Amino acid sequence: MKKKILIVDDEPNIVMTLEYTFKKKGLEVLIARDGSEALQILEHQIPDVILLDIMMPNVDGYQTLKFIKDNPKLSNIKVAFLTAKNKTTDIEKGLKLGADKYLTKPFSIKKIVSEIFELIN
């Protein structure tokens, strides 16, 4: 069965690049443009890993992660933040909320791919 990744980001260029790359690597790709869209998807589909931006409209990445970790049905999903927020306090907050990885923008696509596959294998 194909592994599934949910990419949650409000920047279309980033989403397109990541979607293309992960599909090429054999993953099934789900896309959400903000946290509320991500939570709607999670009602019906359980991905193996979520790549989550923090700064998004409506529901931000921190709130989304909190919801995921507080929900027993979702709490085992691996979550990696991918964000421009790179201060130590941001990173600590993200990891304290339960993120498995904290990756910062701008990013190397090769690094993102290896980090994601590390989480799902």
N, C-alpha and C. Protein backbone atom coordinates (compact mmCIF):
# COMPACT_ATOMS: atom_id res chain seq x y z
N MET A 1 0.83 -1.20 0.00
CA MET A 1 0.00 0.00 0.00
C MET A 1 0.87 1.26 0.00
N LYS A 2 0.43 2.23 -0.75
CA LYS A 2 1.20 3.49 -0.82
C LYS A 2 1.17 4.22 0.50
N LYS A 3 2.31 4.80 0.85
CA LYS A 3 2.36 5.68 2.02
C LYS A 3 1.72 7.00 1.60
N LYS A 4 1.11 7.67 2.59
CA LYS A 4 0.35 8.88 2.30
C LYS A 4 0.94 10.06 3.06
N ILE A 5 1.11 11.18 2.37
CA ILE A 5 1.57 12.41 3.02
C ILE A 5 0.52 13.50 2.83
N LEU A 6 0.28 14.26 3.88
CA LEU A 6 -0.59 15.43 3.79
C LEU A 6 0.30 16.66 3.87
N ILE A 7 0.26 17.49 2.82
CA ILE A 7 1.04 18.73 2.79
C ILE A 7 0.09 19.87 3.12
N VAL A 8 0.41 20.61 4.19
CA VAL A 8 -0.44 21.72 4.62
C VAL A 8 0.37 23.01 4.53
N ASP A 9 0.08 23.82 3.51
CA ASP A 9 0.83 25.05 3.30
C ASP A 9 -0.01 25.98 2.44
N ASP A 10 0.08 27.27 2.69
CA ASP A 10 -0.72 28.22 1.92
C ASP A 10 0.06 28.86 0.77
N GLU A 11 1.27 28.40 0.52
CA GLU A 11 2.06 28.94 -0.60
C GLU A 11 2.02 27.96 -1.77
N PRO A 12 1.28 28.30 -2.84
CA PRO A 12 1.09 27.38 -3.96
C PRO A 12 2.39 26.85 -4.57
N ASN A 13 3.43 27.69 -4.67
CA ASN A 13 4.68 27.22 -5.27
C ASN A 13 5.33 26.11 -4.45
N ILE A 14 5.28 26.27 -3.15
CA ILE A 14 5.85 25.25 -2.26
C ILE A 14 5.04 23.96 -2.37
N VAL A 15 3.71 24.10 -2.34
CA VAL A 15 2.83 22.93 -2.43
C VAL A 15 3.09 22.18 -3.74
N MET A 16 3.16 22.91 -4.85
CA MET A 16 3.37 22.27 -6.15
C MET A 16 4.70 21.52 -6.20
N THR A 17 5.75 22.16 -5.73
CA THR A 17 7.07 21.53 -5.73
C THR A 17 7.07 20.25 -4.90
N LEU A 18 6.52 20.35 -3.68
CA LEU A 18 6.52 19.20 -2.78
C LEU A 18 5.61 18.09 -3.32
N GLU A 19 4.45 18.47 -3.83
CA GLU A 19 3.51 17.47 -4.36
C GLU A 19 4.17 16.68 -5.50
N TYR A 20 4.77 17.40 -6.43
CA TYR A 20 5.45 16.77 -7.57
C TYR A 20 6.54 15.81 -7.08
N THR A 21 7.36 16.30 -6.16
CA THR A 21 8.49 15.51 -5.67
C THR A 21 8.03 14.25 -4.96
N PHE A 22 7.06 14.38 -4.06
CA PHE A 22 6.63 13.20 -3.29
C PHE A 22 5.87 12.20 -4.16
N LYS A 23 5.12 12.69 -5.15
CA LYS A 23 4.44 11.76 -6.07
C LYS A 23 5.49 10.96 -6.85
N LYS A 24 6.55 11.66 -7.29
CA LYS A 24 7.63 11.00 -8.02
C LYS A 24 8.30 9.93 -7.16
N LYS A 25 8.32 10.18 -5.84
CA LYS A 25 8.95 9.23 -4.91
C LYS A 25 7.97 8.12 -4.49
N GLY A 26 6.78 8.11 -5.10
CA GLY A 26 5.84 7.01 -4.86
C GLY A 26 4.86 7.19 -3.72
N LEU A 27 4.74 8.40 -3.19
CA LEU A 27 3.77 8.62 -2.12
C LEU A 27 2.44 9.11 -2.69
N GLU A 28 1.37 8.81 -1.98
CA GLU A 28 0.09 9.43 -2.29
C GLU A 28 0.08 10.77 -1.59
N VAL A 29 -0.30 11.84 -2.30
CA VAL A 29 -0.20 13.19 -1.75
C VAL A 29 -1.58 13.81 -1.56
N LEU A 30 -1.83 14.26 -0.34
CA LEU A 30 -3.03 15.03 -0.03
C LEU A 30 -2.59 16.47 0.21
N ILE A 31 -3.44 17.44 -0.16
CA ILE A 31 -3.07 18.85 -0.04
C ILE A 31 -4.13 19.61 0.76
N ALA A 32 -3.67 20.45 1.68
CA ALA A 32 -4.56 21.38 2.37
C ALA A 32 -3.89 22.74 2.36
N ARG A 33 -4.67 23.78 2.20
CA ARG A 33 -4.10 25.12 2.11
C ARG A 33 -4.08 25.87 3.44
N ASP A 34 -4.73 25.30 4.45
CA ASP A 34 -4.63 25.87 5.80
C ASP A 34 -5.04 24.79 6.80
N GLY A 35 -4.94 25.14 8.07
CA GLY A 35 -5.21 24.16 9.12
C GLY A 35 -6.63 23.62 9.11
N SER A 36 -7.62 24.49 8.84
CA SER A 36 -9.00 24.00 8.87
C SER A 36 -9.25 23.01 7.74
N GLU A 37 -8.66 23.26 6.58
CA GLU A 37 -8.77 22.31 5.46
C GLU A 37 -8.09 20.98 5.83
N ALA A 38 -6.95 21.07 6.50
CA ALA A 38 -6.23 19.87 6.93
C ALA A 38 -7.10 19.04 7.87
N LEU A 39 -7.76 19.71 8.81
CA LEU A 39 -8.59 19.00 9.78
C LEU A 39 -9.78 18.34 9.11
N GLN A 40 -10.32 18.98 8.06
CA GLN A 40 -11.42 18.36 7.30
C GLN A 40 -10.94 17.08 6.62
N ILE A 41 -9.76 17.13 6.01
CA ILE A 41 -9.20 15.95 5.34
C ILE A 41 -8.99 14.83 6.36
N LEU A 42 -8.49 15.19 7.55
CA LEU A 42 -8.18 14.19 8.57
C LEU A 42 -9.42 13.49 9.13
N GLU A 43 -10.61 14.06 8.88
CA GLU A 43 -11.83 13.39 9.30
C GLU A 43 -12.05 12.12 8.46
N HIS A 44 -11.52 12.11 7.23
CA HIS A 44 -11.79 11.01 6.30
C HIS A 44 -10.56 10.19 5.94
N GLN A 45 -9.37 10.77 6.08
CA GLN A 45 -8.16 10.08 5.66
C GLN A 45 -7.08 10.22 6.73
N ILE A 46 -6.35 9.15 6.94
CA ILE A 46 -5.26 9.17 7.91
C ILE A 46 -3.94 9.01 7.16
N PRO A 47 -3.20 10.10 6.99
CA PRO A 47 -1.90 9.98 6.30
C PRO A 47 -0.85 9.37 7.22
N ASP A 48 0.27 8.94 6.63
CA ASP A 48 1.38 8.41 7.43
C ASP A 48 2.18 9.55 8.04
N VAL A 49 2.19 10.68 7.33
CA VAL A 49 2.98 11.82 7.77
C VAL A 49 2.31 13.11 7.29
N ILE A 50 2.47 14.17 8.09
CA ILE A 50 1.94 15.48 7.72
C ILE A 50 3.10 16.47 7.69
N LEU A 51 3.20 17.21 6.60
CA LEU A 51 4.19 18.28 6.47
C LEU A 51 3.40 19.56 6.66
N LEU A 52 3.67 20.28 7.74
CA LEU A 52 2.78 21.33 8.21
C LEU A 52 3.49 22.68 8.33
N ASP A 53 2.93 23.68 7.65
CA ASP A 53 3.42 25.05 7.79
C ASP A 53 2.84 25.61 9.09
N ILE A 54 3.46 26.64 9.65
CA ILE A 54 2.91 27.24 10.88
C ILE A 54 2.07 28.47 10.56
N MET A 55 2.62 29.38 9.76
CA MET A 55 1.90 30.64 9.51
C MET A 55 0.95 30.47 8.33
N MET A 56 -0.34 30.26 8.66
CA MET A 56 -1.37 30.10 7.64
C MET A 56 -2.64 30.81 8.08
N PRO A 57 -3.50 31.14 7.11
CA PRO A 57 -4.77 31.78 7.49
C PRO A 57 -5.67 30.81 8.25
N ASN A 58 -6.69 31.32 8.90
CA ASN A 58 -7.72 30.55 9.62
C ASN A 58 -7.14 29.81 10.82
N VAL A 59 -6.67 28.59 10.61
CA VAL A 59 -6.13 27.79 11.71
C VAL A 59 -4.63 27.61 11.44
N ASP A 60 -3.78 28.09 12.36
CA ASP A 60 -2.34 27.98 12.10
C ASP A 60 -1.80 26.59 12.42
N GLY A 61 -0.52 26.38 12.12
CA GLY A 61 0.08 25.07 12.30
C GLY A 61 0.14 24.61 13.75
N TYR A 62 0.36 25.53 14.66
CA TYR A 62 0.40 25.15 16.08
C TYR A 62 -0.96 24.60 16.52
N GLN A 63 -2.03 25.31 16.14
CA GLN A 63 -3.39 24.87 16.52
C GLN A 63 -3.71 23.53 15.87
N THR A 64 -3.30 23.39 14.61
CA THR A 64 -3.55 22.14 13.88
C THR A 64 -2.85 20.98 14.56
N LEU A 65 -1.58 21.18 14.91
CA LEU A 65 -0.82 20.12 15.58
C LEU A 65 -1.45 19.76 16.92
N LYS A 66 -1.87 20.76 17.67
CA LYS A 66 -2.48 20.51 18.97
C LYS A 66 -3.72 19.64 18.80
N PHE A 67 -4.54 19.97 17.81
CA PHE A 67 -5.75 19.20 17.55
C PHE A 67 -5.40 17.75 17.21
N ILE A 68 -4.39 17.58 16.36
CA ILE A 68 -3.97 16.23 15.94
C ILE A 68 -3.50 15.42 17.16
N LYS A 69 -2.65 16.03 17.98
CA LYS A 69 -2.08 15.31 19.13
C LYS A 69 -3.13 15.05 20.22
N ASP A 70 -4.17 15.89 20.29
CA ASP A 70 -5.23 15.70 21.30
C ASP A 70 -6.27 14.67 20.86
N ASN A 71 -6.22 14.26 19.58
CA ASN A 71 -7.21 13.34 19.06
C ASN A 71 -6.61 11.92 19.00
N PRO A 72 -7.14 10.99 19.81
CA PRO A 72 -6.57 9.64 19.87
C PRO A 72 -6.49 8.95 18.50
N LYS A 73 -7.43 9.26 17.62
CA LYS A 73 -7.45 8.64 16.29
C LYS A 73 -6.30 9.14 15.41
N LEU A 74 -5.81 10.34 15.71
CA LEU A 74 -4.79 10.98 14.86
C LEU A 74 -3.43 11.09 15.52
N SER A 75 -3.37 10.89 16.83
CA SER A 75 -2.17 11.25 17.60
C SER A 75 -0.90 10.49 17.20
N ASN A 76 -1.06 9.36 16.49
CA ASN A 76 0.14 8.60 16.09
C ASN A 76 0.72 9.04 14.74
N ILE A 77 0.04 9.95 14.07
CA ILE A 77 0.55 10.43 12.77
C ILE A 77 1.84 11.22 13.02
N LYS A 78 2.86 10.95 12.20
CA LYS A 78 4.11 11.71 12.29
C LYS A 78 3.87 13.10 11.70
N VAL A 79 4.36 14.13 12.38
CA VAL A 79 4.18 15.50 11.90
C VAL A 79 5.52 16.21 11.84
N ALA A 80 5.79 16.81 10.68
CA ALA A 80 7.00 17.63 10.52
C ALA A 80 6.55 19.05 10.19
N PHE A 81 7.01 20.01 10.98
CA PHE A 81 6.77 21.40 10.63
C PHE A 81 7.72 21.79 9.51
N LEU A 82 7.21 22.57 8.56
CA LEU A 82 8.05 23.18 7.52
C LEU A 82 7.66 24.65 7.52
N THR A 83 8.53 25.49 8.05
CA THR A 83 8.14 26.87 8.32
C THR A 83 9.29 27.85 8.20
N ALA A 84 8.93 29.10 7.99
CA ALA A 84 9.94 30.17 7.98
C ALA A 84 10.28 30.62 9.41
N LYS A 85 9.49 30.17 10.39
CA LYS A 85 9.74 30.55 11.78
C LYS A 85 10.94 29.75 12.30
N ASN A 86 12.09 30.41 12.41
CA ASN A 86 13.30 29.66 12.74
C ASN A 86 13.97 30.10 14.04
N LYS A 87 13.26 30.86 14.88
CA LYS A 87 13.82 31.23 16.18
C LYS A 87 13.79 30.02 17.10
N THR A 88 14.73 29.97 18.02
CA THR A 88 14.80 28.86 18.97
C THR A 88 13.48 28.68 19.70
N THR A 89 12.84 29.79 20.09
CA THR A 89 11.58 29.70 20.83
C THR A 89 10.49 29.04 19.97
N ASP A 90 10.47 29.35 18.67
CA ASP A 90 9.48 28.74 17.77
C ASP A 90 9.72 27.24 17.68
N ILE A 91 10.99 26.87 17.51
CA ILE A 91 11.36 25.46 17.37
C ILE A 91 10.99 24.70 18.64
N GLU A 92 11.33 25.27 19.80
CA GLU A 92 10.99 24.63 21.07
C GLU A 92 9.49 24.45 21.22
N LYS A 93 8.74 25.50 20.86
CA LYS A 93 7.27 25.42 20.97
C LYS A 93 6.74 24.30 20.07
N GLY A 94 7.23 24.23 18.84
CA GLY A 94 6.78 23.21 17.90
C GLY A 94 7.06 21.80 18.40
N LEU A 95 8.26 21.59 18.92
CA LEU A 95 8.63 20.26 19.40
C LEU A 95 7.88 19.91 20.68
N LYS A 96 7.66 20.92 21.52
CA LYS A 96 6.93 20.69 22.77
C LYS A 96 5.47 20.29 22.47
N LEU A 97 4.91 20.86 21.40
CA LEU A 97 3.54 20.52 21.02
C LEU A 97 3.44 19.11 20.43
N GLY A 98 4.59 18.53 20.09
CA GLY A 98 4.57 17.15 19.63
C GLY A 98 5.04 16.92 18.20
N ALA A 99 5.61 17.94 17.56
CA ALA A 99 6.12 17.73 16.20
C ALA A 99 7.29 16.74 16.25
N ASP A 100 7.38 15.89 15.24
CA ASP A 100 8.46 14.90 15.17
C ASP A 100 9.72 15.51 14.55
N LYS A 101 9.52 16.50 13.70
CA LYS A 101 10.65 17.21 13.06
C LYS A 101 10.28 18.67 12.94
N TYR A 102 11.32 19.51 12.88
CA TYR A 102 11.09 20.94 12.69
C TYR A 102 12.05 21.39 11.59
N LEU A 103 11.50 21.60 10.39
CA LEU A 103 12.32 21.95 9.23
C LEU A 103 12.02 23.41 8.85
N THR A 104 13.05 24.13 8.44
CA THR A 104 12.85 25.55 8.17
C THR A 104 12.98 25.90 6.68
N LYS A 105 12.23 26.92 6.29
CA LYS A 105 12.31 27.48 4.93
C LYS A 105 13.36 28.58 4.96
N PRO A 106 14.04 28.88 3.88
CA PRO A 106 14.04 28.11 2.63
C PRO A 106 14.66 26.74 2.86
N PHE A 107 14.23 25.76 2.06
CA PHE A 107 14.64 24.39 2.31
C PHE A 107 15.25 23.75 1.08
N SER A 108 16.00 22.69 1.33
CA SER A 108 16.51 21.87 0.23
C SER A 108 15.53 20.72 0.06
N ILE A 109 15.03 20.54 -1.15
CA ILE A 109 14.03 19.51 -1.41
C ILE A 109 14.59 18.13 -1.05
N LYS A 110 15.89 17.94 -1.30
CA LYS A 110 16.52 16.65 -1.00
C LYS A 110 16.48 16.37 0.51
N LYS A 111 16.73 17.41 1.29
CA LYS A 111 16.71 17.26 2.76
C LYS A 111 15.29 16.95 3.23
N ILE A 112 14.30 17.67 2.70
CA ILE A 112 12.91 17.43 3.10
C ILE A 112 12.53 15.98 2.81
N VAL A 113 12.86 15.51 1.60
CA VAL A 113 12.52 14.14 1.22
C VAL A 113 13.17 13.15 2.17
N SER A 114 14.46 13.33 2.47
CA SER A 114 15.12 12.35 3.36
C SER A 114 14.53 12.41 4.76
N GLU A 115 14.20 13.61 5.25
CA GLU A 115 13.61 13.74 6.60
C GLU A 115 12.24 13.06 6.65
N ILE A 116 11.43 13.25 5.62
CA ILE A 116 10.09 12.66 5.58
C ILE A 116 10.17 11.13 5.52
N PHE A 117 11.07 10.62 4.65
CA PHE A 117 11.19 9.16 4.55
C PHE A 117 11.75 8.55 5.83
N GLU A 118 12.55 9.31 6.54
CA GLU A 118 13.04 8.86 7.85
C GLU A 118 11.87 8.66 8.82
N LEU A 119 10.89 9.56 8.74
CA LEU A 119 9.74 9.48 9.64
C LEU A 119 8.81 8.31 9.29
N ILE A 120 8.66 7.99 8.01
CA ILE A 120 7.65 6.99 7.65
C ILE A 120 8.20 5.59 7.44
N ASN A 121 9.52 5.44 7.47
CA ASN A 121 10.06 4.09 7.28
C ASN A 121 10.44 3.42 8.59
